[in-house]
Protein backbone atom coordinates (compact mmCIF):
# COMPACT_ATOMS: atom_id res chain seq x y z
CA UNK A 1 0.20 0.10 -0.33
CA UNK A 2 1.07 3.60 -0.65
CA UNK A 3 0.63 6.48 1.70
CA UNK A 4 1.06 10.17 0.61
CA UNK A 5 0.81 12.22 3.93
CA UNK A 6 0.77 15.60 3.47
CA UNK A 7 0.23 19.48 5.09
CA UNK A 8 0.20 22.49 3.55
CA UNK A 9 1.78 24.47 6.48
CA UNK A 10 5.46 23.67 7.80
CA UNK A 11 5.76 25.38 11.30
CA UNK A 12 4.75 24.56 14.88
CA UNK A 13 2.79 20.96 15.64
CA UNK A 14 2.42 20.68 11.60
CA UNK A 15 6.56 19.77 11.68
CA UNK A 16 6.71 17.48 15.41
CA UNK A 17 3.75 15.63 13.40
CA UNK A 18 5.60 15.60 10.76
CA UNK A 19 8.42 13.92 12.32
CA UNK A 20 5.67 12.01 14.81
CA UNK A 21 5.05 10.05 11.60
CA UNK A 22 8.01 9.61 9.87
CA UNK A 23 9.07 7.32 12.60
CA UNK A 24 5.98 4.85 12.27
CA UNK A 25 6.65 4.78 8.35
CA UNK A 26 9.99 3.42 9.04
CA UNK A 27 9.57 0.96 10.60
CA UNK A 28 6.74 -0.39 8.20
CA UNK A 29 9.23 -1.20 5.17
CA UNK A 30 6.22 -3.54 3.41
CA UNK A 31 4.46 -0.02 3.02
CA UNK A 32 5.49 3.79 0.94
CA UNK A 33 5.06 6.30 1.95
CA UNK A 34 5.25 9.50 -0.32
CA UNK A 35 5.67 13.13 2.48
CA UNK A 36 3.73 15.79 0.29
CA UNK A 37 5.10 18.64 1.83
CA UNK A 38 5.71 22.41 1.98
CA UNK A 39 9.42 23.25 0.25
CA UNK A 40 9.64 25.62 2.92
CA UNK A 41 9.66 23.04 5.34
CA UNK A 42 12.70 21.75 4.24
CA UNK A 43 14.22 25.16 6.21
CA UNK A 44 13.37 23.91 9.55
CA UNK A 45 13.84 19.94 9.22
CA UNK A 46 17.07 19.82 11.04
CA UNK A 47 15.04 20.30 14.44
CA UNK A 48 14.95 16.54 14.11
CA UNK A 49 16.75 13.64 13.22
CA UNK A 50 15.10 12.15 9.84
CA UNK A 51 16.53 8.29 9.36
CA UNK A 52 16.87 8.01 5.86
CA UNK A 53 13.83 5.23 4.96
CA UNK A 54 13.79 3.14 1.48
CA UNK A 55 10.36 3.29 1.78
CA UNK A 56 9.56 6.72 2.48
CA UNK A 57 10.01 9.64 -0.46
CA UNK A 58 9.60 13.33 -0.31
CA UNK A 59 7.61 15.77 -2.42
CA UNK A 60 7.67 19.15 -2.09
CA UNK A 61 4.95 21.53 -2.58
CA UNK A 62 5.70 24.98 -4.88
CA UNK A 63 5.73 27.98 -2.74
CA UNK A 64 3.54 30.17 -4.53
CA UNK A 65 0.97 27.48 -4.42
CA UNK A 66 1.02 26.94 -0.56
CA UNK A 67 0.63 31.10 -0.75
CA UNK A 68 -1.94 30.29 -2.59
CA UNK A 69 -4.08 27.75 0.10
CA UNK A 70 -3.17 29.24 3.09
CA UNK A 71 -4.62 32.93 1.68
CA UNK A 72 -7.20 32.51 -0.35
CA UNK A 73 -10.91 32.06 1.39
CA UNK A 74 -10.79 28.22 3.25
CA UNK A 75 -13.32 26.74 1.08
CA UNK A 76 -11.14 28.55 -2.34
CA UNK A 77 -8.31 26.79 -0.49
CA UNK A 78 -9.45 23.62 0.10
CA UNK A 79 -11.00 23.54 -3.57
CA UNK A 80 -7.19 24.52 -4.72
CA UNK A 81 -5.91 21.66 -2.38
CA UNK A 82 -8.46 19.01 -3.11
CA UNK A 83 -7.64 19.08 -6.92
CA UNK A 84 -3.73 19.11 -5.92
CA UNK A 85 -4.19 16.59 -4.26
CA UNK A 86 -6.29 14.75 -6.78
CA UNK A 87 -3.52 14.54 -8.79
CA UNK A 88 -0.77 13.61 -6.91
CA UNK A 89 -2.60 10.57 -5.77
CA UNK A 90 -2.67 9.66 -9.31
CA UNK A 91 0.51 10.89 -10.01
CA UNK A 92 1.77 8.71 -7.27
CA UNK A 93 -0.74 6.42 -7.56
CA UNK A 94 -1.00 6.23 -3.77
CA UNK A 95 -4.92 3.85 -2.25
CA UNK A 96 -4.19 6.59 1.08
CA UNK A 97 -4.01 9.59 2.18
CA UNK A 98 -3.46 11.25 5.57
CA UNK A 99 -3.43 14.58 6.49
CA UNK A 100 -2.28 16.60 9.53
CA UNK A 101 -5.53 19.14 9.43
CA UNK A 102 -8.53 17.50 7.85
CA UNK A 103 -10.75 20.34 8.06
CA UNK A 104 -8.55 22.27 5.13
CA UNK A 105 -9.96 19.46 2.32
CA UNK A 106 -13.77 20.40 2.91
CA UNK A 107 -16.03 20.08 1.65
CA UNK A 108 -14.72 18.92 -1.30
CA UNK A 109 -11.75 16.27 -0.20
CA UNK A 110 -13.93 13.47 0.07
CA UNK A 111 -15.96 13.81 -3.19
CA UNK A 112 -12.67 14.73 -5.88
CA UNK A 113 -9.23 12.32 -4.34
CA UNK A 114 -9.12 8.76 -5.33
CA UNK A 115 -8.63 7.41 -2.00
CA UNK A 116 -8.88 6.37 1.55
CA UNK A 117 -8.58 10.34 3.73
CA UNK A 118 -7.71 9.93 7.01
CA UNK A 119 -6.25 12.84 9.12
CA UNK A 120 -6.68 15.14 12.56
CA UNK A 121 -9.24 17.18 13.54
CA UNK A 122 -7.78 20.43 15.62
CA UNK A 123 -11.23 22.43 16.74
CA UNK A 124 -14.39 21.25 18.23
CA UNK A 125 -17.39 22.95 16.53
CA UNK A 126 -19.03 21.64 19.56
CA UNK A 127 -17.24 24.40 22.06
CA UNK A 128 -18.52 27.32 20.41
CA UNK A 129 -21.90 26.44 19.87
CA UNK A 130 -23.72 28.76 21.73
CA UNK A 131 -21.65 31.63 20.73
CA UNK A 132 -22.15 30.99 16.85
CA UNK A 133 -24.48 31.88 14.07
CA UNK A 134 -27.13 29.87 12.62
CA UNK A 135 -24.86 29.64 9.26
CA UNK A 136 -21.98 28.88 11.69
CA UNK A 137 -23.72 25.97 12.95
CA UNK A 138 -24.98 24.48 9.93
CA UNK A 139 -21.53 24.91 7.91
CA UNK A 140 -20.38 22.81 10.91
CA UNK A 141 -22.91 20.65 10.93
CA UNK A 142 -22.64 20.16 7.69
CA UNK A 143 -18.75 19.20 7.57
CA UNK A 144 -19.39 16.53 10.19
CA UNK A 145 -21.65 14.89 8.28
CA UNK A 146 -19.42 14.72 5.78
CA UNK A 147 -16.30 13.11 8.06
CA UNK A 148 -18.90 10.99 8.99
CA UNK A 149 -21.33 9.45 6.09
CA UNK A 150 -19.04 10.37 3.17
CA UNK A 151 -17.50 6.88 2.03
CA UNK A 152 -13.86 8.06 1.56
CA UNK A 153 -13.62 9.56 4.51
CA UNK A 154 -11.65 6.50 6.83
CA UNK A 155 -10.28 7.70 10.77
CA UNK A 156 -11.15 10.96 11.64
CA UNK A 157 -8.75 11.60 15.31
CA UNK A 158 -10.05 14.13 17.20
CA UNK A 159 -7.39 15.80 19.53
CA UNK A 160 -6.75 15.83 22.68
CA UNK A 161 -10.28 15.54 23.62
CA UNK A 162 -12.08 11.56 23.97
CA UNK A 163 -15.16 12.98 25.25
CA UNK A 164 -15.92 14.60 21.81
CA UNK A 165 -15.02 12.04 20.25
CA UNK A 166 -17.33 9.49 22.17
CA UNK A 167 -20.42 12.52 21.66
CA UNK A 168 -19.59 12.55 18.25
CA UNK A 169 -19.63 8.86 16.95
CA UNK A 170 -23.46 8.76 19.06
CA UNK A 171 -24.75 11.72 17.22
CA UNK A 172 -23.87 11.02 13.51
CA UNK A 173 -23.98 7.30 13.92
CA UNK A 174 -20.67 5.89 13.18
CA UNK A 175 -17.46 4.85 14.31
CA UNK A 176 -15.30 6.79 12.08
CA UNK A 177 -14.54 9.61 15.11
CA UNK A 178 -11.43 8.90 17.23
CA UNK A 179 -9.39 10.08 20.14
CA UNK A 180 -5.56 10.94 19.42
CA UNK A 181 -3.65 12.81 22.11
CA UNK A 182 -1.89 15.65 21.71
CA UNK A 183 1.38 14.69 22.03
CA UNK A 184 4.43 16.71 24.65
CA UNK A 185 8.26 16.07 23.77
CA UNK A 186 10.88 15.62 26.78
CA UNK A 187 13.21 18.06 26.38
CA UNK A 188 16.30 17.17 27.94
CA UNK A 189 18.50 20.67 26.75
CA UNK A 190 22.29 20.29 27.45
CA UNK A 191 22.83 24.27 26.69
CA UNK A 192 21.43 25.36 30.31
CA UNK A 193 21.69 29.26 31.07
CA UNK A 194 19.16 31.03 33.21
CA UNK A 195 17.12 33.67 31.80
CA UNK A 196 17.03 35.99 34.97
CA UNK A 197 20.82 36.07 35.00
CA UNK A 198 21.03 37.14 31.24
CA UNK A 199 18.79 39.71 32.04
CA UNK A 200 18.92 41.15 34.77
CA UNK A 201 15.11 39.69 36.31
CA UNK A 202 15.23 40.08 40.20
CA UNK A 203 14.86 35.98 41.61
CA UNK A 204 11.75 38.01 44.05
CA UNK A 205 10.57 39.04 40.82
CA UNK A 206 7.46 37.23 38.78
CA UNK A 207 7.88 36.52 35.42
CA UNK A 208 5.11 35.25 32.33
CA UNK A 209 5.91 33.69 29.74
CA UNK A 210 4.27 33.70 26.57
CA UNK A 211 5.11 32.02 23.56
CA UNK A 212 5.05 29.93 20.35
CA UNK A 213 3.54 31.56 17.56
CA UNK A 214 2.40 35.09 18.20
CA UNK A 215 -1.51 36.14 16.81
CA UNK A 216 -4.34 37.65 17.78
CA UNK A 217 -6.29 34.36 18.45
CA UNK A 218 -3.61 33.31 20.39
CA UNK A 219 -5.11 36.22 23.17
CA UNK A 220 -1.13 38.67 22.73
CA UNK A 221 -2.80 41.85 22.37
CA UNK A 222 -4.64 41.05 25.80
CA UNK A 223 -1.70 40.20 27.58
CA UNK A 224 0.10 43.83 26.01
CA UNK A 225 -3.36 45.47 27.45
CA UNK A 226 -3.08 43.77 30.91
CA UNK A 227 0.68 44.94 30.99
CA UNK A 228 -0.02 48.17 30.42
CA UNK A 229 -3.16 48.13 32.51
CA UNK A 230 -0.87 47.38 35.81
CA UNK A 231 -0.75 49.54 38.56
CA UNK A 232 2.26 51.17 39.78
CA UNK A 233 2.66 48.88 43.01
CA UNK A 234 2.64 45.49 40.94
CA UNK A 235 4.55 47.05 37.83
CA UNK A 236 8.13 46.30 39.57
CA UNK A 237 7.43 42.13 40.65
CA UNK A 238 5.98 41.31 37.43
CA UNK A 239 8.35 40.71 34.39
CA UNK A 240 7.24 39.12 30.94
CA UNK A 241 9.17 37.47 27.99
CA UNK A 242 6.78 37.57 24.80
CA UNK A 243 8.29 35.14 22.17
CA UNK A 244 8.30 33.65 18.49
CA UNK A 245 7.51 34.33 14.84
CA UNK A 246 4.97 36.42 14.50
CA UNK A 247 1.98 36.03 12.33
CA UNK A 248 2.60 37.92 8.54
CA UNK A 249 -1.06 39.56 9.43
CA UNK A 250 -0.40 40.62 12.95
CA UNK A 251 2.84 42.06 12.40
CA UNK A 252 1.67 45.69 12.47
CA UNK A 253 -0.80 45.13 15.14
CA UNK A 254 1.29 43.94 16.68
CA UNK A 255 4.47 47.00 17.02
CA UNK A 256 2.22 49.40 17.23
CA UNK A 257 1.19 48.02 20.61
CA UNK A 258 4.84 46.85 22.13
CA UNK A 259 6.32 50.29 21.01
CA UNK A 260 6.07 52.14 23.72
CA UNK A 261 6.42 49.13 26.73
CA UNK A 262 8.20 49.08 29.94
CA UNK A 263 12.37 47.54 30.49
CA UNK A 264 9.98 44.90 32.11
CA UNK A 265 8.56 43.61 28.98
CA UNK A 266 11.59 41.53 26.93
CA UNK A 267 10.28 40.78 23.24
CA UNK A 268 12.11 38.19 21.23
CA UNK A 269 10.46 38.01 17.51
CA UNK A 270 11.99 34.18 16.65
CA UNK A 271 11.52 30.74 16.13
CA UNK A 272 11.71 28.86 19.85
CA UNK A 273 13.79 26.14 20.16
CA UNK A 274 13.68 23.54 22.61
CA UNK A 275 16.64 24.70 24.33
CA UNK A 276 15.08 28.17 24.23
CA UNK A 277 11.55 26.90 25.59
CA UNK A 278 13.30 24.17 28.32
CA UNK A 279 15.00 27.27 30.07
CA UNK A 280 12.02 29.57 30.16
CA UNK A 281 9.86 26.95 31.51
CA UNK A 282 12.57 26.40 33.97
CA UNK A 283 12.41 30.51 35.06
CA UNK A 284 9.27 31.35 34.52
CA UNK A 285 6.60 31.66 37.05
CA UNK A 286 3.71 31.17 35.09
CA UNK A 287 2.88 29.99 30.65
CA UNK A 288 -0.13 32.47 28.86
CA UNK A 289 -2.15 31.09 26.74
CA UNK A 290 -5.14 33.22 26.82
CA UNK A 291 -6.28 31.83 23.95
CA UNK A 292 -9.63 33.69 22.40
CA UNK A 293 -10.42 30.00 20.08
CA UNK A 294 -10.06 27.57 23.13
CA UNK A 295 -12.22 25.18 21.46
CA UNK A 296 -8.52 23.25 20.45
CA UNK A 297 -6.31 22.22 22.58
CA UNK A 298 -2.40 23.96 22.38
CA UNK A 299 1.13 22.07 22.68
CA UNK A 300 2.22 24.46 25.44
CA UNK A 301 -0.08 22.59 28.12
CA UNK A 302 2.38 20.05 27.87
CA UNK A 303 5.91 21.71 28.40
CA UNK A 304 3.89 23.68 31.64
CA UNK A 305 2.94 20.01 32.46
CA UNK A 306 6.79 18.91 31.87
CA UNK A 307 8.02 21.55 33.93
CA UNK A 308 5.47 21.35 36.94
CA UNK A 309 4.68 25.35 35.78
CA UNK A 310 0.69 26.82 35.86
CA UNK A 311 -0.58 28.22 33.19
CA UNK A 312 -3.22 31.04 32.81
CA UNK A 313 -5.25 30.03 30.03
CA UNK A 314 -9.15 30.23 29.23
CA UNK A 315 -11.80 28.64 31.84
CA UNK A 316 -14.22 27.99 28.60
CA UNK A 317 -13.62 25.59 25.09
CA UNK A 318 -11.19 22.34 25.31
CA UNK A 319 -8.27 24.03 26.87
CA UNK A 320 -10.41 25.33 29.84
CA UNK A 321 -11.76 21.87 30.54
CA UNK A 322 -7.99 20.75 30.61
CA UNK A 323 -6.57 22.81 32.69
CA UNK A 324 -9.47 21.94 35.12
CA UNK A 325 -9.61 18.33 34.93
CA UNK A 326 -5.78 17.99 35.57
CA UNK A 327 -5.52 21.41 37.61
CA UNK A 328 -2.58 22.53 34.63
CA UNK A 329 -2.93 26.36 36.44
CA UNK A 330 -5.21 29.50 36.75
CA UNK A 331 -8.54 29.84 34.47
CA UNK A 332 -9.25 33.70 33.32
CA UNK A 333 -11.87 35.43 31.28
CA UNK A 334 -11.86 35.01 27.73
CA UNK A 335 -10.82 38.55 25.92
CA UNK A 336 -10.47 40.61 29.47
CA UNK A 337 -7.01 42.29 30.68
CA UNK A 338 -8.66 43.08 33.88
CA UNK A 339 -8.78 39.12 35.01
CA UNK A 340 -5.55 38.50 33.35
CA UNK A 341 -4.21 40.87 36.32
CA UNK A 342 -5.80 38.98 38.33
CA UNK A 343 -4.80 35.32 37.85
CA UNK A 344 -0.46 37.35 37.64
CA UNK A 345 -1.81 38.05 41.22
CA UNK A 346 -2.93 34.60 42.03
CA UNK A 347 0.47 33.37 41.16
CA UNK A 348 1.86 36.12 43.04
CA UNK A 349 -0.06 34.80 46.20
CA UNK A 350 0.84 31.22 45.68
CA UNK A 351 -2.43 29.45 44.78
CA UNK A 352 -1.23 26.81 42.88
CA UNK A 353 0.81 24.01 42.83
CA UNK A 354 0.14 20.69 41.17
CA UNK A 355 3.23 17.68 41.14
CA UNK A 356 1.16 15.70 39.15
CA UNK A 357 2.74 13.93 35.43
CA UNK A 358 -0.73 12.57 35.25
CA UNK A 359 -1.45 14.93 32.14
CA UNK A 360 1.92 14.14 30.27
CA UNK A 361 2.42 10.36 30.80
CA UNK A 362 -1.50 9.69 28.73
CA UNK A 363 0.28 11.59 25.73
CA UNK A 364 3.67 10.61 25.32
CA UNK A 365 5.13 10.72 21.63
CA UNK A 366 4.53 6.47 21.82
CA UNK A 367 0.71 6.73 22.52
CA UNK A 368 0.47 9.11 19.87
CA UNK A 369 2.42 7.17 16.87
CA UNK A 370 0.28 3.52 17.85
CA UNK A 371 -2.68 5.21 17.29
CA UNK A 372 -1.03 6.69 13.84
CA UNK A 373 0.14 3.20 13.41
CA UNK A 374 -2.96 1.31 13.57
CA UNK A 375 -4.05 3.44 10.57
CA UNK A 376 -1.04 4.04 8.01
């Protein structure tokens, strides 16, 4: 059997998942695999070890096609990608297609791609049902109806939410929806250095970290607003690190909101390596993820749990449910900078403690790969 593994994006978890899947494929010499990935991915593949496997080949998506898909309307992008994947499936004589973000092919993929299709769903519409418009609800239900009823869709993996997978199977009367854990990567960095020493942060001050991809949906503006609203009595006690690649459509807004920040805010606009993340997690008092789209998981929960650092995250959605269930930190109201300040004070008052490894023990790379192995 030949399988194409596809992603249109090369950043963040996409590259991590590709590597996890690559390791699974390398251990299945009787099957052939084609990794259809963006040309730009070659720039960051050095972050992982890709041992050569005779049954795996790479096919690179041209930059201009990737940009066309990323910047198009989601329906138009789905049409572009579905046509492109139809061509590639026929070109490589593949029988199976695995898509890192399956929702991006809807509504067309299941009808025009001549292969069995599996993939991962990140965003669960159930969590945003109450605040969605009638049109949005109709579109979401239609997409999941297509996933459950179209014969070409094989396994639909719901990321990090076993309860939603069960519920979706029940309401759509199928068994296609399956749970897959959001795996954390154990970090054992050798290049250890002290953030507080390097940036002259007093040991009695509190350090809050907001890192990863920087965008509006990650709640970055709320973090910046909360910093500007800090009373003088707290301003000297709190330090902030905001680090990561800024999304292109957020650059101007981000720059305009970071022009006049105090020296207690450290801005680093670059990719966060594993060493960078490990050293930051060791030194910070809390990780900030006040996401505005809380219906999908976050890899930062794994980093926080690994280093026993609390998160400050939304009280609703999947993220809120995970924080509450595993006692991963302190909950805040979405889109409320003032409530973020309350959370900072909770950290200062030492109102959180959790030395448990239950969350990460259930979300290892091996557990992710075991689920994938049964599919490809």
